[in-house]
Amino acid sequence: MTTTRGTILVLPGGGYSRLADHEGEPIAHWLRGLGWDARVVRYPVGVRHPMPLDAVRAEVAAERAAGASVVGVIGFSAGGHLAGHAALAPSAPHERPDFAVLSYPVTSFVGAPHVRSRAVLVGDDPSVADVPVQHSYVLAQALAAARVPHELHVFPGDIHGVGLASGTAAAAWTGLCTDWLTRWDAEL
């Protein structure tokens, strides 16, 4: 499908040890329905940093080389960590996405990190296995302090690994994200 909106690369979660299918193609299909060229990036898993990040940067650069004027990323859990890292870590401009959507992301390995993701990516850690919402609050505070436009939506319950979240309170995220993408696109 040819679009004028741009490309969104979908980064499924899976603790950097696998790719969660329900956070891949269903998300890309939904985004294509909104007029975006969207595809799943099958980044390397079971490998150490920076291999997954380098793979995403290469995909962003390839999209730009193919003529995409706008390239965004959307990631879930470990894929959310990767999307955030791609958007915020220093890199060449052609490797950096224009925007990022992070869904229940691992945003830090400090405090109570997601043990499996941390172990695969950087080595063992004895901390509890969790992706605490507090890390998203800290990220939002840092973005606000740096005057980076952002939104944070938190839903009730233990919502993690739900993809499109059909049948849950978090199902509203797709409407909120659609609205945000429309506003972002209008500002171009």
C-alpha atoms as a PDB file:
ATOM      1  CA  MET A   1       0.000   0.000   0.000  1.00  0.00           C
ATOM      2  CA  THR A   2       1.424   3.379  -0.977  1.00  0.00           C
ATOM      3  CA  THR A   3       0.811   6.111   1.572  1.00  0.00           C
ATOM      4  CA  THR A   4       1.755   9.695   2.157  1.00  0.00           C
ATOM      5  CA  ARG A   5       1.850   9.463   5.958  1.00  0.00           C
ATOM      6  CA  GLY A   6       5.159   7.622   6.297  1.00  0.00           C
ATOM      7  CA  THR A   7       6.456   4.389   7.771  1.00  0.00           C
ATOM      8  CA  ILE A   8       6.080   2.901  11.235  1.00  0.00           C
ATOM      9  CA  LEU A   9       8.350   0.031  12.238  1.00  0.00           C
ATOM     10  CA  VAL A  10       6.729  -2.376  14.715  1.00  0.00           C
ATOM     11  CA  LEU A  11       8.993  -3.848  17.423  1.00  0.00           C
ATOM     12  CA  PRO A  12       7.315  -6.747  19.260  1.00  0.00           C
ATOM     13  CA  GLY A  13       8.227  -7.611  22.818  1.00  0.00           C
ATOM     14  CA  GLY A  14       9.416 -10.948  24.097  1.00  0.00           C
ATOM     15  CA  GLY A  15      12.068 -10.192  26.686  1.00  0.00           C
ATOM     16  CA  TYR A  16      14.817 -10.010  24.043  1.00  0.00           C
ATOM     17  CA  SER A  17      14.610 -13.819  23.930  1.00  0.00           C
ATOM     18  CA  ARG A  18      11.781 -14.177  21.370  1.00  0.00           C
ATOM     19  CA  LEU A  19       9.373 -11.989  19.375  1.00  0.00           C
ATOM     20  CA  ALA A  20       5.748 -11.992  20.558  1.00  0.00           C
ATOM     21  CA  ASP A  21       3.641 -12.557  17.433  1.00  0.00           C
ATOM     22  CA  HIS A  22       0.527 -10.842  18.861  1.00  0.00           C
ATOM     23  CA  GLU A  23       2.573  -7.634  19.222  1.00  0.00           C
ATOM     24  CA  GLY A  24       3.744  -7.771  15.608  1.00  0.00           C
ATOM     25  CA  GLU A  25       1.546  -8.300  12.570  1.00  0.00           C
ATOM     26  CA  PRO A  26      -1.778  -7.394  14.283  1.00  0.00           C
ATOM     27  CA  ILE A  27      -0.260  -4.018  15.192  1.00  0.00           C
ATOM     28  CA  ALA A  28       1.146  -3.500  11.679  1.00  0.00           C
ATOM     29  CA  HIS A  29      -2.259  -4.381  10.191  1.00  0.00           C
ATOM     30  CA  TRP A  30      -3.991  -1.842  12.453  1.00  0.00           C
ATOM     31  CA  LEU A  31      -1.468   0.876  11.497  1.00  0.00           C
ATOM     32  CA  ARG A  32      -1.850   0.140   7.777  1.00  0.00           C
ATOM     33  CA  GLY A  33      -5.583   0.692   8.273  1.00  0.00           C
ATOM     34  CA  LEU A  34      -4.709   4.199   9.506  1.00  0.00           C
ATOM     35  CA  GLY A  35      -2.797   4.969   6.308  1.00  0.00           C
ATOM     36  CA  TRP A  36       0.735   4.216   7.472  1.00  0.00           C
ATOM     37  CA  ASP A  37       3.171   1.900   5.754  1.00  0.00           C
ATOM     38  CA  ALA A  38       3.829  -0.437   8.679  1.00  0.00           C
ATOM     39  CA  ARG A  39       5.912  -3.564   8.997  1.00  0.00           C
ATOM     40  CA  VAL A  40       7.271  -5.783  11.726  1.00  0.00           C
ATOM     41  CA  VAL A  41      11.004  -5.643  12.391  1.00  0.00           C
ATOM     42  CA  ARG A  42      12.313  -9.058  13.324  1.00  0.00           C
ATOM     43  CA  TYR A  43      15.268  -7.722  15.297  1.00  0.00           C
ATOM     44  CA  PRO A  44      17.825 -10.217  16.647  1.00  0.00           C
ATOM     45  CA  VAL A  45      16.963 -11.856  19.975  1.00  0.00           C
ATOM     46  CA  GLY A  46      19.079 -13.830  22.399  1.00  0.00           C
ATOM     47  CA  VAL A  47      21.997 -11.501  21.671  1.00  0.00           C
ATOM     48  CA  ARG A  48      23.721  -8.759  23.625  1.00  0.00           C
ATOM     49  CA  HIS A  49      23.507  -4.996  23.301  1.00  0.00           C
ATOM     50  CA  PRO A  50      23.953  -3.213  20.929  1.00  0.00           C
ATOM     51  CA  MET A  51      22.942  -5.809  18.302  1.00  0.00           C
ATOM     52  CA  PRO A  52      19.135  -5.268  18.539  1.00  0.00           C
ATOM     53  CA  LEU A  53      19.583  -1.472  18.592  1.00  0.00           C
ATOM     54  CA  ASP A  54      21.957  -1.574  15.628  1.00  0.00           C
ATOM     55  CA  ALA A  55      19.394  -3.655  13.713  1.00  0.00           C
ATOM     56  CA  VAL A  56      16.622  -1.110  14.353  1.00  0.00           C
ATOM     57  CA  ARG A  57      18.883   1.789  13.411  1.00  0.00           C
ATOM     58  CA  ALA A  58      19.736  -0.021  10.158  1.00  0.00           C
ATOM     59  CA  GLU A  59      16.011  -0.504   9.428  1.00  0.00           C
ATOM     60  CA  VAL A  60      15.304   3.200  10.011  1.00  0.00           C
ATOM     61  CA  ALA A  61      18.219   4.134   7.740  1.00  0.00           C
ATOM     62  CA  ALA A  62      17.005   1.689   5.062  1.00  0.00           C
ATOM     63  CA  GLU A  63      13.512   3.227   5.130  1.00  0.00           C
ATOM     64  CA  ARG A  64      15.000   6.705   4.709  1.00  0.00           C
ATOM     65  CA  ALA A  65      17.241   5.479   1.863  1.00  0.00           C
ATOM     66  CA  ALA A  66      14.126   4.022   0.187  1.00  0.00           C
ATOM     67  CA  GLY A  67      12.511   7.467   0.262  1.00  0.00           C
ATOM     68  CA  ALA A  68      10.425   7.498   3.449  1.00  0.00           C
ATOM     69  CA  SER A  69      10.202  11.094   4.641  1.00  0.00           C
ATOM     70  CA  VAL A  70       8.821  10.103   8.056  1.00  0.00           C
ATOM     71  CA  VAL A  71       9.874   7.002   9.993  1.00  0.00           C
ATOM     72  CA  GLY A  72       8.446   6.145  13.396  1.00  0.00           C
ATOM     73  CA  VAL A  73       8.708   3.163  15.709  1.00  0.00           C
ATOM     74  CA  ILE A  74       6.204   1.471  17.987  1.00  0.00           C
ATOM     75  CA  GLY A  75       7.384  -1.089  20.505  1.00  0.00           C
ATOM     76  CA  PHE A  76       5.950  -3.325  23.199  1.00  0.00           C
ATOM     77  CA  SER A  77       7.703  -4.367  26.431  1.00  0.00           C
ATOM     78  CA  ALA A  78      11.291  -5.180  25.370  1.00  0.00           C
ATOM     79  CA  GLY A  79      10.382  -3.791  21.940  1.00  0.00           C
ATOM     80  CA  GLY A  80       9.253  -0.631  23.752  1.00  0.00           C
ATOM     81  CA  HIS A  81      12.657  -0.451  25.407  1.00  0.00           C
ATOM     82  CA  LEU A  82      14.261  -0.820  22.002  1.00  0.00           C
ATOM     83  CA  ALA A  83      11.977   1.832  20.437  1.00  0.00           C
ATOM     84  CA  GLY A  84      12.787   4.271  23.231  1.00  0.00           C
ATOM     85  CA  HIS A  85      16.484   3.579  22.952  1.00  0.00           C
ATOM     86  CA  ALA A  86      16.390   4.093  19.171  1.00  0.00           C
ATOM     87  CA  ALA A  87      14.582   7.414  19.622  1.00  0.00           C
ATOM     88  CA  LEU A  88      16.612   8.790  22.525  1.00  0.00           C
ATOM     89  CA  ALA A  89      20.154   7.386  22.300  1.00  0.00           C
ATOM     90  CA  PRO A  90      22.734   9.362  20.335  1.00  0.00           C
ATOM     91  CA  SER A  91      22.959   8.210  16.724  1.00  0.00           C
ATOM     92  CA  ALA A  92      23.311   9.533  13.199  1.00  0.00           C
ATOM     93  CA  PRO A  93      20.224  11.549  12.157  1.00  0.00           C
ATOM     94  CA  HIS A  94      19.333   9.136   9.331  1.00  0.00           C
ATOM     95  CA  GLU A  95      19.227   6.259  11.880  1.00  0.00           C
ATOM     96  CA  ARG A  96      16.938   7.992  14.394  1.00  0.00           C
ATOM     97  CA  PRO A  97      13.146   7.630  14.174  1.00  0.00           C
ATOM     98  CA  ASP A  98      11.052  10.792  13.986  1.00  0.00           C
ATOM     99  CA  PHE A  99       8.732   9.580  16.755  1.00  0.00           C
ATOM    100  CA  ALA A 100       8.264   6.617  19.064  1.00  0.00           C
ATOM    101  CA  VAL A 101       5.256   4.971  20.668  1.00  0.00           C
ATOM    102  CA  LEU A 102       6.180   2.866  23.707  1.00  0.00           C
ATOM    103  CA  SER A 103       3.630   0.337  24.979  1.00  0.00           C
ATOM    104  CA  TYR A 104       4.256  -1.090  28.473  1.00  0.00           C
ATOM    105  CA  PRO A 105       7.975  -0.568  27.877  1.00  0.00           C
ATOM    106  CA  VAL A 106      10.964  -1.637  29.859  1.00  0.00           C
ATOM    107  CA  THR A 107      12.418   1.856  30.346  1.00  0.00           C
ATOM    108  CA  SER A 108      15.158   1.185  32.860  1.00  0.00           C
ATOM    109  CA  PHE A 109      17.262  -1.598  34.283  1.00  0.00           C
ATOM    110  CA  VAL A 110      17.606   0.354  37.557  1.00  0.00           C
ATOM    111  CA  GLY A 111      15.475  -0.497  40.567  1.00  0.00           C
ATOM    112  CA  ALA A 112      13.074  -3.301  39.668  1.00  0.00           C
ATOM    113  CA  PRO A 113      13.949  -4.133  36.055  1.00  0.00           C
ATOM    114  CA  HIS A 114      12.501  -6.796  33.820  1.00  0.00           C
ATOM    115  CA  VAL A 115      14.989  -9.523  34.777  1.00  0.00           C
ATOM    116  CA  ARG A 116      14.676 -11.673  31.674  1.00  0.00           C
ATOM    117  CA  SER A 117      15.204  -8.718  29.311  1.00  0.00           C
ATOM    118  CA  ARG A 118      18.144  -7.454  31.330  1.00  0.00           C
ATOM    119  CA  ALA A 119      19.732 -10.911  31.570  1.00  0.00           C
ATOM    120  CA  VAL A 120      19.529 -11.507  27.826  1.00  0.00           C
ATOM    121  CA  LEU A 121      20.668  -8.021  26.885  1.00  0.00           C
ATOM    122  CA  VAL A 122      23.403  -7.247  29.428  1.00  0.00           C
ATOM    123  CA  GLY A 123      23.796 -10.198  31.825  1.00  0.00           C
ATOM    124  CA  ASP A 124      22.326 -11.635  35.017  1.00  0.00           C
ATOM    125  CA  ASP A 125      20.604  -9.530  37.664  1.00  0.00           C
ATOM    126  CA  PRO A 126      18.971 -10.839  40.860  1.00  0.00           C
ATOM    127  CA  SER A 127      16.171  -8.203  40.937  1.00  0.00           C
ATOM    128  CA  VAL A 128      12.493  -9.111  40.847  1.00  0.00           C
ATOM    129  CA  ALA A 129      10.918  -9.822  37.453  1.00  0.00           C
ATOM    130  CA  ASP A 130       8.647  -6.895  36.687  1.00  0.00           C
ATOM    131  CA  VAL A 131       8.060  -3.977  34.369  1.00  0.00           C
ATOM    132  CA  PRO A 132       7.008  -1.343  36.924  1.00  0.00           C
ATOM    133  CA  VAL A 133       4.810   1.523  35.754  1.00  0.00           C
ATOM    134  CA  GLN A 134       6.948   3.865  37.876  1.00  0.00           C
ATOM    135  CA  HIS A 135       9.654   3.663  35.224  1.00  0.00           C
ATOM    136  CA  SER A 136       7.203   5.129  32.700  1.00  0.00           C
ATOM    137  CA  TYR A 137       6.481   7.958  35.126  1.00  0.00           C
ATOM    138  CA  VAL A 138      10.209   8.683  35.449  1.00  0.00           C
ATOM    139  CA  LEU A 139      10.615   8.664  31.665  1.00  0.00           C
ATOM    140  CA  ALA A 140       7.643  11.044  31.270  1.00  0.00           C
ATOM    141  CA  GLN A 141       9.147  13.382  33.879  1.00  0.00           C
ATOM    142  CA  ALA A 142      12.489  13.375  32.053  1.00  0.00           C
ATOM    143  CA  LEU A 143      10.794  14.069  28.718  1.00  0.00           C
ATOM    144  CA  ALA A 144       8.820  16.935  30.283  1.00  0.00           C
ATOM    145  CA  ALA A 145      11.978  18.395  31.826  1.00  0.00           C
ATOM    146  CA  ALA A 146      13.638  18.298  28.397  1.00  0.00           C
ATOM    147  CA  ARG A 147      10.508  19.832  26.810  1.00  0.00           C
ATOM    148  CA  VAL A 148       9.978  16.801  24.571  1.00  0.00           C
ATOM    149  CA  PRO A 149       6.334  16.533  23.455  1.00  0.00           C
ATOM    150  CA  HIS A 150       4.876  13.321  24.852  1.00  0.00           C
ATOM    151  CA  GLU A 151       1.800  11.658  26.315  1.00  0.00           C
ATOM    152  CA  LEU A 152       1.522   9.026  29.023  1.00  0.00           C
ATOM    153  CA  HIS A 153      -1.569   6.868  29.422  1.00  0.00           C
ATOM    154  CA  VAL A 154      -1.845   4.372  32.273  1.00  0.00           C
ATOM    155  CA  PHE A 155      -4.658   1.831  32.440  1.00  0.00           C
ATOM    156  CA  PRO A 156      -6.043  -0.014  35.465  1.00  0.00           C
ATOM    157  CA  GLY A 157      -4.979  -3.540  36.257  1.00  0.00           C
ATOM    158  CA  ASP A 158      -1.888  -5.560  35.545  1.00  0.00           C
ATOM    159  CA  ILE A 159      -1.747  -4.778  31.823  1.00  0.00           C
ATOM    160  CA  HIS A 160       1.317  -6.237  30.128  1.00  0.00           C
ATOM    161  CA  GLY A 161       1.809  -8.302  27.018  1.00  0.00           C
ATOM    162  CA  VAL A 162      -1.684  -7.624  25.658  1.00  0.00           C
ATOM    163  CA  GLY A 163      -0.920  -6.240  22.167  1.00  0.00           C
ATOM    164  CA  LEU A 164      -4.093  -4.593  20.869  1.00  0.00           C
ATOM    165  CA  ALA A 165      -5.631  -5.299  24.321  1.00  0.00           C
ATOM    166  CA  SER A 166      -9.025  -6.382  22.959  1.00  0.00           C
ATOM    167  CA  GLY A 167     -11.509  -6.970  25.755  1.00  0.00           C
ATOM    168  CA  THR A 168      -9.486  -5.117  28.403  1.00  0.00           C
ATOM    169  CA  ALA A 169      -9.627  -1.627  29.875  1.00  0.00           C
ATOM    170  CA  ALA A 170      -6.454  -0.903  27.930  1.00  0.00           C
ATOM    171  CA  ALA A 171      -8.203  -1.438  24.570  1.00  0.00           C
ATOM    172  CA  ALA A 172      -8.698   2.339  24.498  1.00  0.00           C
ATOM    173  CA  TRP A 173      -4.991   2.762  23.765  1.00  0.00           C
ATOM    174  CA  THR A 174      -5.498   2.315  20.013  1.00  0.00           C
ATOM    175  CA  GLY A 175      -7.944   5.242  19.860  1.00  0.00           C
ATOM    176  CA  LEU A 176      -5.633   7.418  21.945  1.00  0.00           C
ATOM    177  CA  CYS A 177      -2.688   6.460  19.749  1.00  0.00           C
ATOM    178  CA  THR A 178      -4.699   7.135  16.579  1.00  0.00           C
ATOM    179  CA  ASP A 179      -5.523  10.621  17.875  1.00  0.00           C
ATOM    180  CA  TRP A 180      -1.876  11.277  18.799  1.00  0.00           C
ATOM    181  CA  LEU A 181      -0.603  10.088  15.395  1.00  0.00           C
ATOM    182  CA  THR A 182      -3.162  12.316  13.664  1.00  0.00           C
ATOM    183  CA  ARG A 183      -2.061  15.346  15.700  1.00  0.00           C
ATOM    184  CA  TRP A 184       1.611  14.541  15.132  1.00  0.00           C
ATOM    185  CA  ASP A 185       1.054  14.070  11.391  1.00  0.00           C
ATOM    186  CA  ALA A 186      -0.813  17.408  11.181  1.00  0.00           C
ATOM    187  CA  GLU A 187       2.159  19.225  12.739  1.00  0.00           C
ATOM    188  CA  LEU A 188       4.511  18.182   9.928  1.00  0.00           C
END
